[in-house]
């Protein structure tokens, strides 16, 4: 593996490398990119000899041990797609000092969020600096779980989104979140009391099937906490389950002990 390839592996996944070319892909966040630019192995000149921003050659001064890619001069909007190409001399290794400057970041603000009786979750946002997926999360069985995904539009102004969720009986709680390189950013929570009838487990003693009184989301765990089955149904095939005890979460109930003899 040559030095260019090794340099690539050390950078974030949005960097794409080819021999004598280093390409950074991301979004404009209002910050410049800084490059450590060593002398070539021959000792004549520096490694980077040309920089392109979105396909256009820049006037950045690259004949120095380090330099900045000045992005402000390109009149980019915050959140605009960005591709920076560094052209290198042969057998060179450069280092991007702040690649996170063009990583998409979750900056959204929720103006309002609501949940209807039919399960429709709607939210309105602004301050989106980049097009990042929104994850729809439901608090169910004592934990937050992702139940859907909606692509964020990104850019200035207000944006409106909606997603049809699956409600269980009793209180339902939802939120939306975005994930960036720093971690999760969540909205406020929204709750609704569903008038759906409670789904019941017909028997805690398991035969060939595990049966419910109606269709429900479920998760089946071994006695050691290993997830064995999950989905939505009114009956679960248990014919291949070994004898023993299991834990079953369904509807609004969590960790119900069941057994197969």
C-alpha atoms as a PDB file:
ATOM      1  CA  UNK A   1       0.000   0.000   0.000  1.00  0.00           C
ATOM      2  CA  UNK A   2       1.563   3.359  -1.038  1.00  0.00           C
ATOM      3  CA  UNK A   3       1.723   6.518   1.036  1.00  0.00           C
ATOM      4  CA  UNK A   4      -1.308   8.106  -0.634  1.00  0.00           C
ATOM      5  CA  UNK A   5      -3.445   5.085   0.234  1.00  0.00           C
ATOM      6  CA  UNK A   6      -2.204   5.108   3.817  1.00  0.00           C
ATOM      7  CA  UNK A   7      -3.062   8.787   4.093  1.00  0.00           C
ATOM      8  CA  UNK A   8      -6.555   8.033   2.811  1.00  0.00           C
ATOM      9  CA  UNK A   9      -7.230   5.423   5.478  1.00  0.00           C
ATOM     10  CA  UNK A  10      -6.392   7.912   8.203  1.00  0.00           C
ATOM     11  CA  UNK A  11      -9.013  10.406   7.018  1.00  0.00           C
ATOM     12  CA  UNK A  12     -12.805  10.504   7.403  1.00  0.00           C
ATOM     13  CA  UNK A  13     -14.976   8.370   5.122  1.00  0.00           C
ATOM     14  CA  UNK A  14     -16.049  11.397   3.061  1.00  0.00           C
ATOM     15  CA  UNK A  15     -12.511  11.610   1.648  1.00  0.00           C
ATOM     16  CA  UNK A  16     -11.853   9.732  -1.588  1.00  0.00           C
ATOM     17  CA  UNK A  17      -8.304   8.978  -2.700  1.00  0.00           C
ATOM     18  CA  UNK A  18      -6.643   8.132  -5.996  1.00  0.00           C
ATOM     19  CA  UNK A  19      -2.950   8.151  -6.981  1.00  0.00           C
ATOM     20  CA  UNK A  20      -1.688  11.784  -6.931  1.00  0.00           C
ATOM     21  CA  UNK A  21      -5.227  13.068  -6.188  1.00  0.00           C
ATOM     22  CA  UNK A  22      -6.984  13.644  -2.869  1.00  0.00           C
ATOM     23  CA  UNK A  23     -10.701  14.504  -2.979  1.00  0.00           C
ATOM     24  CA  UNK A  24     -12.699  15.809  -0.006  1.00  0.00           C
ATOM     25  CA  UNK A  25     -16.493  15.713  -0.258  1.00  0.00           C
ATOM     26  CA  UNK A  26     -18.866  17.392   2.168  1.00  0.00           C
ATOM     27  CA  UNK A  27     -20.904  20.551   2.634  1.00  0.00           C
ATOM     28  CA  UNK A  28     -19.888  24.165   3.127  1.00  0.00           C
ATOM     29  CA  UNK A  29     -20.045  25.199   6.785  1.00  0.00           C
ATOM     30  CA  UNK A  30     -18.534  28.687   6.515  1.00  0.00           C
ATOM     31  CA  UNK A  31     -15.022  27.487   7.385  1.00  0.00           C
ATOM     32  CA  UNK A  32     -11.804  27.086   5.419  1.00  0.00           C
ATOM     33  CA  UNK A  33      -9.811  23.870   5.039  1.00  0.00           C
ATOM     34  CA  UNK A  34      -6.200  23.764   6.235  1.00  0.00           C
ATOM     35  CA  UNK A  35      -3.585  21.514   4.623  1.00  0.00           C
ATOM     36  CA  UNK A  36      -0.177  20.363   5.844  1.00  0.00           C
ATOM     37  CA  UNK A  37       1.904  20.323   2.681  1.00  0.00           C
ATOM     38  CA  UNK A  38       5.323  18.612   2.998  1.00  0.00           C
ATOM     39  CA  UNK A  39       8.256  18.863   0.630  1.00  0.00           C
ATOM     40  CA  UNK A  40       8.354  16.157  -2.065  1.00  0.00           C
ATOM     41  CA  UNK A  41      10.543  13.076  -1.560  1.00  0.00           C
ATOM     42  CA  UNK A  42      12.921  14.464  -4.171  1.00  0.00           C
ATOM     43  CA  UNK A  43      13.343  17.607  -2.065  1.00  0.00           C
ATOM     44  CA  UNK A  44      12.216  19.859  -4.899  1.00  0.00           C
ATOM     45  CA  UNK A  45       9.056  21.826  -4.219  1.00  0.00           C
ATOM     46  CA  UNK A  46       5.957  20.969  -2.181  1.00  0.00           C
ATOM     47  CA  UNK A  47       3.520  18.079  -2.652  1.00  0.00           C
ATOM     48  CA  UNK A  48       0.336  19.963  -3.615  1.00  0.00           C
ATOM     49  CA  UNK A  49       0.588  21.819  -6.915  1.00  0.00           C
ATOM     50  CA  UNK A  50      -3.087  22.592  -7.637  1.00  0.00           C
ATOM     51  CA  UNK A  51      -6.406  22.935  -5.773  1.00  0.00           C
ATOM     52  CA  UNK A  52      -9.906  22.771  -7.270  1.00  0.00           C
ATOM     53  CA  UNK A  53     -13.180  23.670  -5.545  1.00  0.00           C
ATOM     54  CA  UNK A  54     -16.254  22.168  -7.198  1.00  0.00           C
ATOM     55  CA  UNK A  55     -14.237  21.678 -10.373  1.00  0.00           C
ATOM     56  CA  UNK A  56     -12.810  25.207 -10.579  1.00  0.00           C
ATOM     57  CA  UNK A  57      -9.087  25.866 -10.120  1.00  0.00           C
ATOM     58  CA  UNK A  58      -8.420  28.151  -7.139  1.00  0.00           C
ATOM     59  CA  UNK A  59      -5.822  30.870  -6.643  1.00  0.00           C
ATOM     60  CA  UNK A  60      -4.727  29.471  -3.266  1.00  0.00           C
ATOM     61  CA  UNK A  61      -0.992  29.835  -2.631  1.00  0.00           C
ATOM     62  CA  UNK A  62       0.217  26.232  -2.250  1.00  0.00           C
ATOM     63  CA  UNK A  63       3.987  26.736  -2.331  1.00  0.00           C
ATOM     64  CA  UNK A  64       4.417  26.556   1.452  1.00  0.00           C
ATOM     65  CA  UNK A  65       4.602  23.921   4.222  1.00  0.00           C
ATOM     66  CA  UNK A  66       0.941  24.590   5.046  1.00  0.00           C
ATOM     67  CA  UNK A  67      -1.853  26.582   3.438  1.00  0.00           C
ATOM     68  CA  UNK A  68      -5.563  27.308   3.644  1.00  0.00           C
ATOM     69  CA  UNK A  69      -8.157  26.514   0.995  1.00  0.00           C
ATOM     70  CA  UNK A  70     -10.088  29.793   1.029  1.00  0.00           C
ATOM     71  CA  UNK A  71     -13.727  28.787   0.562  1.00  0.00           C
ATOM     72  CA  UNK A  72     -15.286  32.187   1.309  1.00  0.00           C
ATOM     73  CA  UNK A  73     -14.240  33.562  -2.096  1.00  0.00           C
ATOM     74  CA  UNK A  74     -16.461  31.025  -3.881  1.00  0.00           C
ATOM     75  CA  UNK A  75     -19.731  32.625  -2.657  1.00  0.00           C
ATOM     76  CA  UNK A  76     -21.124  29.296  -1.441  1.00  0.00           C
ATOM     77  CA  UNK A  77     -24.310  29.060   0.592  1.00  0.00           C
ATOM     78  CA  UNK A  78     -24.114  27.346   3.976  1.00  0.00           C
ATOM     79  CA  UNK A  79     -24.986  23.678   3.402  1.00  0.00           C
ATOM     80  CA  UNK A  80     -24.045  23.743  -0.296  1.00  0.00           C
ATOM     81  CA  UNK A  81     -22.397  20.565  -1.667  1.00  0.00           C
ATOM     82  CA  UNK A  82     -18.636  20.876  -1.707  1.00  0.00           C
ATOM     83  CA  UNK A  83     -15.836  18.947  -3.403  1.00  0.00           C
ATOM     84  CA  UNK A  84     -12.219  19.937  -2.894  1.00  0.00           C
ATOM     85  CA  UNK A  85      -9.592  18.281  -5.105  1.00  0.00           C
ATOM     86  CA  UNK A  86      -5.902  18.400  -4.236  1.00  0.00           C
ATOM     87  CA  UNK A  87      -3.534  17.452  -7.046  1.00  0.00           C
ATOM     88  CA  UNK A  88      -0.254  16.076  -5.751  1.00  0.00           C
ATOM     89  CA  UNK A  89       3.179  15.335  -7.077  1.00  0.00           C
ATOM     90  CA  UNK A  90       4.182  11.682  -7.252  1.00  0.00           C
ATOM     91  CA  UNK A  91       4.819   9.697  -4.050  1.00  0.00           C
ATOM     92  CA  UNK A  92       3.511  12.408  -1.726  1.00  0.00           C
ATOM     93  CA  UNK A  93       1.611  12.406   1.543  1.00  0.00           C
ATOM     94  CA  UNK A  94      -0.383  15.418   2.720  1.00  0.00           C
ATOM     95  CA  UNK A  95      -2.572  15.878   5.787  1.00  0.00           C
ATOM     96  CA  UNK A  96      -5.911  17.638   6.106  1.00  0.00           C
ATOM     97  CA  UNK A  97      -5.739  19.373   9.488  1.00  0.00           C
ATOM     98  CA  UNK A  98      -9.488  20.030   9.934  1.00  0.00           C
ATOM     99  CA  UNK A  99     -11.560  17.705   7.709  1.00  0.00           C
ATOM    100  CA  UNK A 100     -14.502  18.077  10.124  1.00  0.00           C
ATOM    101  CA  UNK A 101     -14.944  21.642   8.789  1.00  0.00           C
ATOM    102  CA  UNK A 102     -16.938  20.235   5.867  1.00  0.00           C
ATOM    103  CA  UNK A 103     -18.657  17.319   7.610  1.00  0.00           C
ATOM    104  CA  UNK A 104     -22.465  17.697   7.591  1.00  0.00           C
ATOM    105  CA  UNK A 105     -23.636  18.927  10.998  1.00  0.00           C
ATOM    106  CA  UNK A 106     -27.054  18.674  12.640  1.00  0.00           C
ATOM    107  CA  UNK A 107     -28.110  22.249  13.392  1.00  0.00           C
ATOM    108  CA  UNK A 108     -31.877  22.004  12.940  1.00  0.00           C
ATOM    109  CA  UNK A 109     -34.387  23.757  15.188  1.00  0.00           C
ATOM    110  CA  UNK A 110     -37.894  22.333  15.493  1.00  0.00           C
ATOM    111  CA  UNK A 111     -40.548  25.039  15.184  1.00  0.00           C
ATOM    112  CA  UNK A 112     -43.364  22.624  15.988  1.00  0.00           C
ATOM    113  CA  UNK A 113     -43.982  18.879  16.139  1.00  0.00           C
ATOM    114  CA  UNK A 114     -47.303  17.048  16.437  1.00  0.00           C
ATOM    115  CA  UNK A 115     -48.734  13.527  16.445  1.00  0.00           C
ATOM    116  CA  UNK A 116     -52.220  12.717  15.176  1.00  0.00           C
ATOM    117  CA  UNK A 117     -54.566   9.921  16.242  1.00  0.00           C
ATOM    118  CA  UNK A 118     -53.947   8.123  12.930  1.00  0.00           C
ATOM    119  CA  UNK A 119     -50.214   7.948  13.742  1.00  0.00           C
ATOM    120  CA  UNK A 120     -49.080  10.782  11.459  1.00  0.00           C
ATOM    121  CA  UNK A 121     -46.048  12.538  12.927  1.00  0.00           C
ATOM    122  CA  UNK A 122     -45.444  16.017  11.498  1.00  0.00           C
ATOM    123  CA  UNK A 123     -42.679  18.486  12.236  1.00  0.00           C
ATOM    124  CA  UNK A 124     -41.502  21.836  10.905  1.00  0.00           C
ATOM    125  CA  UNK A 125     -37.901  23.041  11.116  1.00  0.00           C
ATOM    126  CA  UNK A 126     -35.445  25.761  10.181  1.00  0.00           C
ATOM    127  CA  UNK A 127     -31.670  26.316  10.541  1.00  0.00           C
ATOM    128  CA  UNK A 128     -30.776  23.129   8.615  1.00  0.00           C
ATOM    129  CA  UNK A 129     -27.147  23.506   7.548  1.00  0.00           C
ATOM    130  CA  UNK A 130     -27.053  20.266   5.536  1.00  0.00           C
ATOM    131  CA  UNK A 131     -29.226  17.535   4.035  1.00  0.00           C
ATOM    132  CA  UNK A 132     -29.074  14.898   6.782  1.00  0.00           C
ATOM    133  CA  UNK A 133     -31.637  12.113   7.412  1.00  0.00           C
ATOM    134  CA  UNK A 134     -34.143  12.561  10.209  1.00  0.00           C
ATOM    135  CA  UNK A 135     -34.615   9.393  12.250  1.00  0.00           C
ATOM    136  CA  UNK A 136     -38.111   8.898  13.658  1.00  0.00           C
ATOM    137  CA  UNK A 137     -37.765   7.413  17.146  1.00  0.00           C
ATOM    138  CA  UNK A 138     -40.435   5.855  19.363  1.00  0.00           C
ATOM    139  CA  UNK A 139     -40.138   5.257  23.095  1.00  0.00           C
ATOM    140  CA  UNK A 140     -41.313   1.684  23.428  1.00  0.00           C
ATOM    141  CA  UNK A 141     -40.511  -1.084  25.911  1.00  0.00           C
ATOM    142  CA  UNK A 142     -38.423   1.243  28.082  1.00  0.00           C
ATOM    143  CA  UNK A 143     -36.095   2.362  25.285  1.00  0.00           C
ATOM    144  CA  UNK A 144     -35.905   4.664  22.270  1.00  0.00           C
ATOM    145  CA  UNK A 145     -36.023   2.776  18.948  1.00  0.00           C
ATOM    146  CA  UNK A 146     -35.707   3.979  15.364  1.00  0.00           C
ATOM    147  CA  UNK A 147     -38.904   3.267  13.470  1.00  0.00           C
ATOM    148  CA  UNK A 148     -38.431   5.337  10.313  1.00  0.00           C
ATOM    149  CA  UNK A 149     -36.298   7.757   8.316  1.00  0.00           C
ATOM    150  CA  UNK A 150     -37.032  10.935   6.335  1.00  0.00           C
ATOM    151  CA  UNK A 151     -34.379  12.751   4.310  1.00  0.00           C
ATOM    152  CA  UNK A 152     -33.777  16.323   5.511  1.00  0.00           C
ATOM    153  CA  UNK A 153     -33.858  18.978   2.798  1.00  0.00           C
ATOM    154  CA  UNK A 154     -31.115  21.172   4.237  1.00  0.00           C
ATOM    155  CA  UNK A 155     -30.523  24.830   3.453  1.00  0.00           C
ATOM    156  CA  UNK A 156     -32.046  28.077   4.645  1.00  0.00           C
ATOM    157  CA  UNK A 157     -35.708  28.634   5.445  1.00  0.00           C
ATOM    158  CA  UNK A 158     -38.444  26.462   6.870  1.00  0.00           C
ATOM    159  CA  UNK A 159     -39.013  22.807   5.970  1.00  0.00           C
ATOM    160  CA  UNK A 160     -41.998  20.558   6.682  1.00  0.00           C
ATOM    161  CA  UNK A 161     -41.934  16.771   7.088  1.00  0.00           C
ATOM    162  CA  UNK A 162     -44.295  13.955   7.991  1.00  0.00           C
ATOM    163  CA  UNK A 163     -44.148  10.218   8.660  1.00  0.00           C
ATOM    164  CA  UNK A 164     -46.865   7.639   9.381  1.00  0.00           C
ATOM    165  CA  UNK A 165     -46.057   5.783  12.604  1.00  0.00           C
ATOM    166  CA  UNK A 166     -47.560   2.637  14.136  1.00  0.00           C
ATOM    167  CA  UNK A 167     -49.281   3.377  17.443  1.00  0.00           C
ATOM    168  CA  UNK A 168     -49.760   0.896  20.267  1.00  0.00           C
ATOM    169  CA  UNK A 169     -52.413   1.050  22.977  1.00  0.00           C
ATOM    170  CA  UNK A 170     -52.032   3.649  25.722  1.00  0.00           C
ATOM    171  CA  UNK A 171     -49.480   6.453  25.688  1.00  0.00           C
ATOM    172  CA  UNK A 172     -47.233   6.808  22.640  1.00  0.00           C
ATOM    173  CA  UNK A 173     -44.107   8.950  22.669  1.00  0.00           C
ATOM    174  CA  UNK A 174     -42.045  10.045  19.641  1.00  0.00           C
ATOM    175  CA  UNK A 175     -39.210  12.366  18.656  1.00  0.00           C
ATOM    176  CA  UNK A 176     -36.973  12.979  15.634  1.00  0.00           C
ATOM    177  CA  UNK A 177     -33.182  13.115  15.606  1.00  0.00           C
ATOM    178  CA  UNK A 178     -30.238  13.651  13.299  1.00  0.00           C
ATOM    179  CA  UNK A 179     -26.821  12.016  13.598  1.00  0.00           C
ATOM    180  CA  UNK A 180     -23.595  13.778  12.674  1.00  0.00           C
ATOM    181  CA  UNK A 181     -19.916  13.210  13.508  1.00  0.00           C
ATOM    182  CA  UNK A 182     -20.443  14.747  16.967  1.00  0.00           C
ATOM    183  CA  UNK A 183     -23.349  12.486  17.941  1.00  0.00           C
ATOM    184  CA  UNK A 184     -27.155  12.727  18.086  1.00  0.00           C
ATOM    185  CA  UNK A 185     -29.286  15.880  18.100  1.00  0.00           C
ATOM    186  CA  UNK A 186     -32.907  15.283  19.137  1.00  0.00           C
ATOM    187  CA  UNK A 187     -36.127  17.235  18.955  1.00  0.00           C
ATOM    188  CA  UNK A 188     -38.475  17.657  21.872  1.00  0.00           C
ATOM    189  CA  UNK A 189     -40.760  14.699  22.575  1.00  0.00           C
ATOM    190  CA  UNK A 190     -44.407  14.538  21.540  1.00  0.00           C
ATOM    191  CA  UNK A 191     -46.991  12.196  23.092  1.00  0.00           C
ATOM    192  CA  UNK A 192     -50.518  11.040  22.362  1.00  0.00           C
ATOM    193  CA  UNK A 193     -52.924   8.695  24.123  1.00  0.00           C
ATOM    194  CA  UNK A 194     -54.125   6.086  21.642  1.00  0.00           C
ATOM    195  CA  UNK A 195     -57.635   4.662  21.783  1.00  0.00           C
ATOM    196  CA  UNK A 196     -56.441   1.384  20.253  1.00  0.00           C
ATOM    197  CA  UNK A 197     -57.598  -1.649  22.251  1.00  0.00           C
ATOM    198  CA  UNK A 198     -54.927  -3.339  24.316  1.00  0.00           C
ATOM    199  CA  UNK A 199     -53.379  -6.365  22.625  1.00  0.00           C
ATOM    200  CA  UNK A 200     -53.245  -9.398  24.908  1.00  0.00           C
ATOM    201  CA  UNK A 201     -51.008 -12.458  24.960  1.00  0.00           C
ATOM    202  CA  UNK A 202     -53.323 -15.457  24.739  1.00  0.00           C
ATOM    203  CA  UNK A 203     -51.026 -17.759  26.700  1.00  0.00           C
ATOM    204  CA  UNK A 204     -47.641 -17.572  28.427  1.00  0.00           C
ATOM    205  CA  UNK A 205     -47.122 -21.274  27.702  1.00  0.00           C
ATOM    206  CA  UNK A 206     -45.702 -21.606  24.199  1.00  0.00           C
ATOM    207  CA  UNK A 207     -46.640 -24.342  21.756  1.00  0.00           C
ATOM    208  CA  UNK A 208     -46.027 -24.131  18.021  1.00  0.00           C
ATOM    209  CA  UNK A 209     -47.037 -20.483  17.987  1.00  0.00           C
ATOM    210  CA  UNK A 210     -47.174 -17.446  20.231  1.00  0.00           C
ATOM    211  CA  UNK A 211     -50.586 -15.889  19.762  1.00  0.00           C
ATOM    212  CA  UNK A 212     -51.935 -12.393  20.424  1.00  0.00           C
ATOM    213  CA  UNK A 213     -55.458 -11.012  20.451  1.00  0.00           C
ATOM    214  CA  UNK A 214     -54.567  -8.719  17.534  1.00  0.00           C
ATOM    215  CA  UNK A 215     -51.717  -7.500  15.363  1.00  0.00           C
ATOM    216  CA  UNK A 216     -48.844  -5.968  17.318  1.00  0.00           C
ATOM    217  CA  UNK A 217     -45.195  -5.039  17.155  1.00  0.00           C
ATOM    218  CA  UNK A 218     -43.110  -7.557  19.115  1.00  0.00           C
ATOM    219  CA  UNK A 219     -39.611  -8.545  20.176  1.00  0.00           C
ATOM    220  CA  UNK A 220     -38.727 -11.997  21.499  1.00  0.00           C
ATOM    221  CA  UNK A 221     -35.567 -12.463  23.607  1.00  0.00           C
ATOM    222  CA  UNK A 222     -33.794 -15.497  24.996  1.00  0.00           C
ATOM    223  CA  UNK A 223     -33.374 -15.801  28.756  1.00  0.00           C
ATOM    224  CA  UNK A 224     -29.865 -14.359  28.258  1.00  0.00           C
ATOM    225  CA  UNK A 225     -31.150 -11.221  26.517  1.00  0.00           C
ATOM    226  CA  UNK A 226     -30.403 -12.211  22.915  1.00  0.00           C
ATOM    227  CA  UNK A 227     -32.940 -10.869  20.399  1.00  0.00           C
ATOM    228  CA  UNK A 228     -34.397 -13.870  18.538  1.00  0.00           C
ATOM    229  CA  UNK A 229     -37.364 -12.483  16.609  1.00  0.00           C
ATOM    230  CA  UNK A 230     -38.986  -9.116  15.916  1.00  0.00           C
ATOM    231  CA  UNK A 231     -41.691  -7.763  13.650  1.00  0.00           C
ATOM    232  CA  UNK A 232     -45.399  -7.065  13.497  1.00  0.00           C
ATOM    233  CA  UNK A 233     -47.947  -9.896  13.516  1.00  0.00           C
ATOM    234  CA  UNK A 234     -50.820 -11.481  15.410  1.00  0.00           C
ATOM    235  CA  UNK A 235     -48.924 -14.778  15.756  1.00  0.00           C
ATOM    236  CA  UNK A 236     -45.252 -15.806  15.990  1.00  0.00           C
ATOM    237  CA  UNK A 237     -43.907 -19.107  14.705  1.00  0.00           C
ATOM    238  CA  UNK A 238     -42.351 -20.825  17.748  1.00  0.00           C
ATOM    239  CA  UNK A 239     -41.964 -24.299  16.276  1.00  0.00           C
ATOM    240  CA  UNK A 240     -38.161 -24.100  16.223  1.00  0.00           C
ATOM    241  CA  UNK A 241     -37.752 -22.646  19.690  1.00  0.00           C
ATOM    242  CA  UNK A 242     -35.997 -24.890  22.174  1.00  0.00           C
ATOM    243  CA  UNK A 243     -37.508 -25.656  25.536  1.00  0.00           C
ATOM    244  CA  UNK A 244     -36.875 -22.960  28.079  1.00  0.00           C
ATOM    245  CA  UNK A 245     -37.907 -19.485  29.158  1.00  0.00           C
ATOM    246  CA  UNK A 246     -38.105 -16.373  27.008  1.00  0.00           C
ATOM    247  CA  UNK A 247     -38.937 -12.705  27.363  1.00  0.00           C
ATOM    248  CA  UNK A 248     -41.550 -11.122  25.119  1.00  0.00           C
ATOM    249  CA  UNK A 249     -42.271  -7.424  24.511  1.00  0.00           C
ATOM    250  CA  UNK A 250     -45.421  -6.477  22.576  1.00  0.00           C
ATOM    251  CA  UNK A 251     -47.974  -3.689  22.312  1.00  0.00           C
ATOM    252  CA  UNK A 252     -47.175  -1.483  25.347  1.00  0.00           C
ATOM    253  CA  UNK A 253     -45.887  -4.338  27.534  1.00  0.00           C
ATOM    254  CA  UNK A 254     -42.202  -5.111  28.039  1.00  0.00           C
ATOM    255  CA  UNK A 255     -40.339  -8.211  29.224  1.00  0.00           C
ATOM    256  CA  UNK A 256     -43.233 -10.634  29.752  1.00  0.00           C
ATOM    257  CA  UNK A 257     -41.902 -14.038  30.839  1.00  0.00           C
ATOM    258  CA  UNK A 258     -43.080 -16.965  28.705  1.00  0.00           C
ATOM    259  CA  UNK A 259     -41.974 -20.600  28.555  1.00  0.00           C
ATOM    260  CA  UNK A 260     -41.866 -23.508  26.161  1.00  0.00           C
ATOM    261  CA  UNK A 261     -42.023 -26.997  27.626  1.00  0.00           C
END
